[in-house]
Protein backbone atom coordinates (compact mmCIF):
# COMPACT_ATOMS: atom_id res chain seq x y z
CA MET A 1 13.60 32.41 -31.93
CA HIS A 2 13.02 33.29 -28.11
CA HIS A 3 15.40 33.98 -25.26
CA ILE A 4 15.28 32.85 -21.65
CA GLU A 5 16.13 34.93 -18.66
CA ILE A 6 17.41 33.76 -15.30
CA ILE A 7 16.20 36.20 -12.55
CA PRO A 8 18.05 35.91 -9.12
CA LEU A 9 15.99 36.66 -5.91
CA GLU A 10 17.69 37.35 -2.62
CA LEU A 11 16.02 36.09 0.68
CA PRO A 12 17.32 36.38 4.37
CA ILE A 13 18.80 33.51 6.31
CA ILE A 14 16.20 30.91 6.69
CA THR A 15 15.22 29.34 9.89
CA GLU A 16 12.80 26.58 11.06
CA GLY A 17 9.21 27.61 10.52
CA ASP A 18 9.87 30.22 8.02
CA ASP A 19 7.33 30.59 5.36
CA ILE A 20 9.30 30.29 2.09
CA ALA A 21 6.38 31.37 -0.23
CA SER A 22 5.74 34.60 1.93
CA LEU A 23 9.50 35.42 1.91
CA ILE A 24 9.67 35.06 -1.98
CA ILE A 25 6.81 37.50 -2.21
CA ASP A 26 8.44 39.92 0.07
CA SER A 27 11.60 39.79 -1.94
CA ILE A 28 9.75 40.11 -5.16
CA GLN A 29 7.92 43.23 -3.95
CA LYS A 30 11.27 44.95 -3.19
CA THR A 31 12.17 44.59 -6.94
CA THR A 32 10.78 45.86 -10.18
CA ILE A 33 9.95 42.23 -11.12
CA GLN A 34 6.53 41.32 -12.53
CA ILE A 35 5.35 37.76 -12.18
CA THR A 36 3.94 36.35 -15.59
CA ASP A 37 2.33 33.29 -16.64
CA GLY A 38 4.95 30.48 -17.60
CA ASP A 39 7.46 31.68 -14.96
CA ILE A 40 9.30 28.92 -13.39
CA ILE A 41 10.78 29.31 -9.80
CA VAL A 42 13.62 27.21 -8.73
CA ILE A 43 14.46 26.93 -5.07
CA ALA A 44 17.49 25.33 -3.71
CA HIS A 45 16.45 22.60 -1.40
CA THR A 46 18.55 23.68 1.63
CA ILE A 47 16.25 26.67 2.63
CA ILE A 48 13.33 24.30 2.28
CA SER A 49 15.13 21.76 4.48
CA ARG A 50 15.84 24.37 7.03
CA ALA A 51 12.39 25.71 7.33
CA GLU A 52 11.03 22.17 7.58
CA GLY A 53 13.36 21.45 10.58
CA MET A 54 15.69 19.35 8.56
CA GLU A 55 18.94 20.85 9.91
CA PHE A 56 20.57 18.76 12.46
CA TYR A 57 23.22 19.51 15.18
CA LEU A 58 25.77 16.86 14.57
CA PRO A 59 27.25 16.52 18.22
CA SER A 60 23.73 15.69 19.60
CA LEU A 61 23.57 12.46 17.36
CA ASN A 62 24.75 9.09 18.79
CA PRO A 63 26.86 7.29 15.86
CA SER A 64 26.14 3.46 15.61
CA PRO A 65 29.03 0.97 15.41
CA VAL A 66 28.39 0.87 11.66
CA ALA A 67 28.81 4.80 11.49
CA GLU A 68 31.98 4.49 13.51
CA LEU A 69 33.32 2.00 11.24
CA ILE A 70 32.58 3.75 8.11
CA ALA A 71 33.83 7.09 9.69
CA ARG A 72 37.31 5.29 10.21
CA ARG A 73 37.16 4.10 6.79
CA THR A 74 36.46 7.64 5.21
CA GLY A 75 37.69 9.97 7.73
CA LYS A 76 34.36 11.63 8.24
CA ASP A 77 33.08 12.76 11.30
CA SER A 78 31.04 9.84 12.76
CA SER A 79 27.99 11.83 13.75
CA LEU A 80 27.85 13.05 10.01
CA VAL A 81 27.94 9.42 9.04
CA GLU A 82 25.19 8.79 11.32
CA LEU A 83 23.02 11.15 9.69
CA ILE A 84 23.92 9.95 6.14
CA LEU A 85 23.09 6.39 7.17
CA SER A 86 19.66 7.52 8.60
CA GLU A 87 18.71 9.16 5.41
CA SER A 88 19.50 6.10 3.36
CA THR A 89 17.65 3.16 2.66
CA LYS A 90 20.89 1.25 0.96
CA ILE A 91 24.77 1.86 0.87
CA LEU A 92 26.07 1.01 -2.75
CA LYS A 93 29.68 1.94 -2.17
CA VAL A 94 32.20 3.37 0.05
CA LYS A 95 35.12 4.73 -1.86
CA ASN A 96 37.41 7.65 -2.09
CA ASN A 97 35.96 9.12 1.24
CA ILE A 98 32.62 9.19 -0.41
CA ILE A 99 29.52 6.96 0.75
CA ILE A 100 27.28 6.47 -2.31
CA THR A 101 23.63 5.64 -0.95
CA LYS A 102 20.23 5.41 -2.17
CA THR A 103 18.14 7.95 -0.19
CA LYS A 104 14.82 7.52 1.37
CA GLN A 105 13.25 9.50 -1.33
CA GLY A 106 15.01 7.11 -4.07
CA TRP A 107 17.78 9.41 -5.26
CA ILE A 108 21.26 7.61 -5.91
CA CYS A 109 23.86 10.12 -4.83
CA ALA A 110 26.86 11.04 -2.57
CA ASN A 111 26.38 11.03 1.15
CA SER A 112 22.62 10.78 0.92
CA ALA A 113 22.62 14.48 -0.22
CA VAL A 114 23.61 15.59 3.61
CA ASP A 115 25.04 18.85 3.07
CA GLN A 116 27.07 21.08 5.54
CA SER A 117 27.25 24.02 3.22
CA ASN A 118 25.29 26.92 4.23
CA THR A 119 24.28 25.79 7.53
CA LYS A 120 24.98 26.69 11.04
CA PRO A 121 28.14 25.51 12.73
CA ASN A 122 28.34 21.82 13.48
CA CYS A 123 25.33 21.28 11.63
CA ALA A 124 24.25 19.49 8.47
CA VAL A 125 20.94 19.53 6.47
CA THR A 126 19.11 16.48 4.78
CA LEU A 127 16.76 16.65 1.84
CA PRO A 128 13.09 17.43 2.54
CA ILE A 129 11.11 14.53 3.38
CA ASP A 130 8.76 15.19 0.42
CA SER A 131 10.25 17.63 -2.04
CA SER A 132 7.26 17.64 -4.26
CA LYS A 133 4.96 18.07 -1.33
CA SER A 134 6.89 21.16 -0.54
CA ALA A 135 6.91 22.44 -3.95
CA THR A 136 3.35 21.97 -4.54
CA PHE A 137 2.56 23.97 -1.15
CA ILE A 138 4.81 26.90 -2.21
CA GLY A 139 3.75 26.67 -5.77
CA LYS A 140 0.06 26.86 -5.19
CA LYS A 141 0.31 29.74 -2.83
CA LEU A 142 2.39 31.81 -5.40
CA SER A 143 0.14 30.90 -8.10
CA GLU A 144 -2.76 31.93 -5.99
CA THR A 145 -1.27 35.23 -4.80
CA TYR A 146 -0.21 36.20 -8.43
CA GLN A 147 -3.06 34.68 -10.23
CA LYS A 148 -0.60 33.30 -12.72
CA ASP A 149 0.14 29.96 -14.18
CA LEU A 150 3.50 29.05 -12.36
CA SER A 151 5.70 26.34 -12.01
CA LEU A 152 8.15 25.36 -9.32
CA LEU A 153 11.23 23.07 -8.99
CA ILE A 154 13.34 22.22 -5.86
CA ALA A 155 16.86 21.68 -6.71
CA ASP A 156 19.91 19.92 -5.08
CA THR A 157 23.49 19.60 -6.32
CA HIS A 158 24.54 16.03 -7.29
CA GLY A 159 27.70 14.63 -8.72
CA ARG A 160 27.65 12.48 -11.82
CA ALA A 161 29.11 8.97 -12.14
CA LEU A 162 31.44 9.51 -15.03
CA ARG A 163 32.15 13.47 -15.25
CA ARG A 164 33.84 15.56 -12.88
CA GLY A 165 32.07 18.50 -11.05
CA ALA A 166 28.50 18.80 -9.66
CA ILE A 167 25.51 20.14 -11.48
CA ASN A 168 21.94 21.31 -10.04
CA VAL A 169 19.09 18.67 -10.54
CA ALA A 170 15.71 18.61 -9.82
CA ILE A 171 14.05 16.74 -6.68
CA GLY A 172 10.98 18.20 -6.44
CA SER A 173 8.38 19.66 -8.59
CA TYR A 174 4.82 21.45 -9.11
CA ASN A 175 3.02 21.89 -12.46
CA PHE A 176 6.02 21.18 -14.66
CA SER A 177 6.76 18.74 -17.47
CA VAL A 178 9.81 17.04 -15.62
CA ILE A 179 10.51 14.70 -18.65
CA ASP A 180 10.15 15.62 -22.40
CA ASP A 181 9.41 12.45 -24.60
CA ALA A 182 10.74 13.62 -28.04
CA LYS A 183 10.27 10.12 -29.55
CA GLY A 184 8.27 10.46 -32.79
CA ARG A 185 9.38 14.00 -33.69
CA GLU A 186 11.38 14.74 -36.62
CA ASP A 187 14.86 16.46 -36.57
CA ILE A 188 15.95 19.18 -39.10
CA PHE A 189 16.38 16.40 -41.77
CA GLY A 190 13.01 14.55 -41.27
CA TYR A 191 14.62 11.84 -39.34
CA LYS A 192 12.16 10.67 -36.68
CA LEU A 193 13.67 10.53 -33.05
CA LYS A 194 13.47 7.03 -31.67
CA SER A 195 14.77 6.99 -28.25
CA THR A 196 15.43 10.77 -27.15
CA VAL A 197 14.12 11.59 -23.74
CA VAL A 198 15.19 14.87 -22.21
CA ALA A 199 15.26 15.59 -18.35
CA LEU A 200 13.76 19.05 -18.75
CA ALA A 201 13.58 19.77 -14.87
CA ASP A 202 17.46 18.99 -14.63
CA GLU A 203 18.16 21.43 -17.45
CA VAL A 204 16.28 24.31 -15.81
CA CYS A 205 17.96 23.50 -12.45
CA SER A 206 21.12 23.57 -13.89
CA ALA A 207 20.31 26.90 -15.69
CA ALA A 208 19.27 28.31 -12.36
CA GLU A 209 22.67 27.35 -10.66
CA LEU A 210 24.49 29.57 -12.88
CA VAL A 211 23.22 32.53 -10.65
CA MET A 212 22.47 30.52 -7.46
CA GLY A 213 26.03 29.76 -6.84
CA GLN A 214 27.43 27.52 -4.14
CA ALA A 215 29.06 29.75 -1.64
CA GLY A 216 27.86 32.99 0.12
CA GLU A 217 25.76 34.29 -2.77
CA MET A 218 22.56 34.50 -0.77
CA ILE A 219 20.60 33.61 -3.94
CA PRO A 220 18.59 30.48 -3.03
CA VAL A 221 15.71 31.36 -5.43
CA VAL A 222 15.59 32.15 -9.21
CA ILE A 223 13.06 32.74 -11.74
CA ILE A 224 13.40 31.21 -14.96
CA ARG A 225 11.40 33.18 -17.81
CA GLY A 226 10.70 32.28 -21.44
CA PHE A 227 11.32 28.54 -21.36
CA LYS A 228 8.49 26.78 -23.29
CA GLN A 229 7.30 23.53 -21.69
CA ARG A 230 6.88 20.74 -24.48
CA SER A 231 5.29 18.16 -22.90
CA ILE A 232 2.41 17.57 -20.25
CA VAL A 233 2.98 17.99 -16.50
CA SER A 234 4.92 14.89 -15.06
CA ASP A 235 6.06 13.50 -11.84
CA ILE A 236 9.67 14.03 -10.57
CA ARG A 237 9.75 10.31 -9.72
CA GLU A 238 9.95 9.75 -13.83
CA LEU A 239 13.60 11.03 -13.44
CA GLN A 240 14.52 7.91 -11.48
CA PHE A 241 15.55 4.58 -12.96
CA GLU A 242 14.19 1.33 -11.57
CA ASP A 243 17.28 -0.48 -9.92
CA ASP A 244 17.32 -2.97 -12.66
CA ARG A 245 17.55 -0.64 -15.38
CA ARG A 246 20.57 1.39 -14.10
CA LEU A 247 23.40 1.33 -16.34
CA PHE A 248 25.99 1.73 -13.45
CA GLN A 249 25.64 0.05 -10.10
């Protein structure tokens, strides 16, 4: 039996151009935390987006006629709708004041994952352009600094089609077994699993959310310790279904 630790890290308010890896190192130095092999760093995407200049001042945007139409239908601010549309490749549904889209990164989610929480007044943040590229840059710097075998996940909060409440999911990864394919393993009675595939990256991000919170906690980074990866390193895109395999359209 082993246990898993969830260790929070506080960071200052992030602004464009900030070096997230350096800020994480500074935060760790202020604690008694010792980084160890196998540690997984989970980072809320919002601070990555802000550091990379993906925070937008809504009044500066010029809503298109389509954005104006959807704004009237949903009651949303037309500039916010314009940003949502600009981050999408496809609108799947507009219902209950929510715009379900497929984002540029390929995720199916509400409002293109555009977020107004924990942003400056009249602003909203979008997803990073390439979350795995960001994760790799930060992850390599942390691994080199501490000379440890580290993994890194970038997380965002997404709703679910058939259940109430949002959970943290992974949108970017570095050195992590995103998917654990358990097919062929035996259960406790010797039955060989035939279809079990586990989204390990999402499970770890959801665990991190237990201490990250959603409001003013100021904990955008969490260290997960003691988690044993069971598969080879895989790409974050393995979490995405191809369009023709989606059960819910």
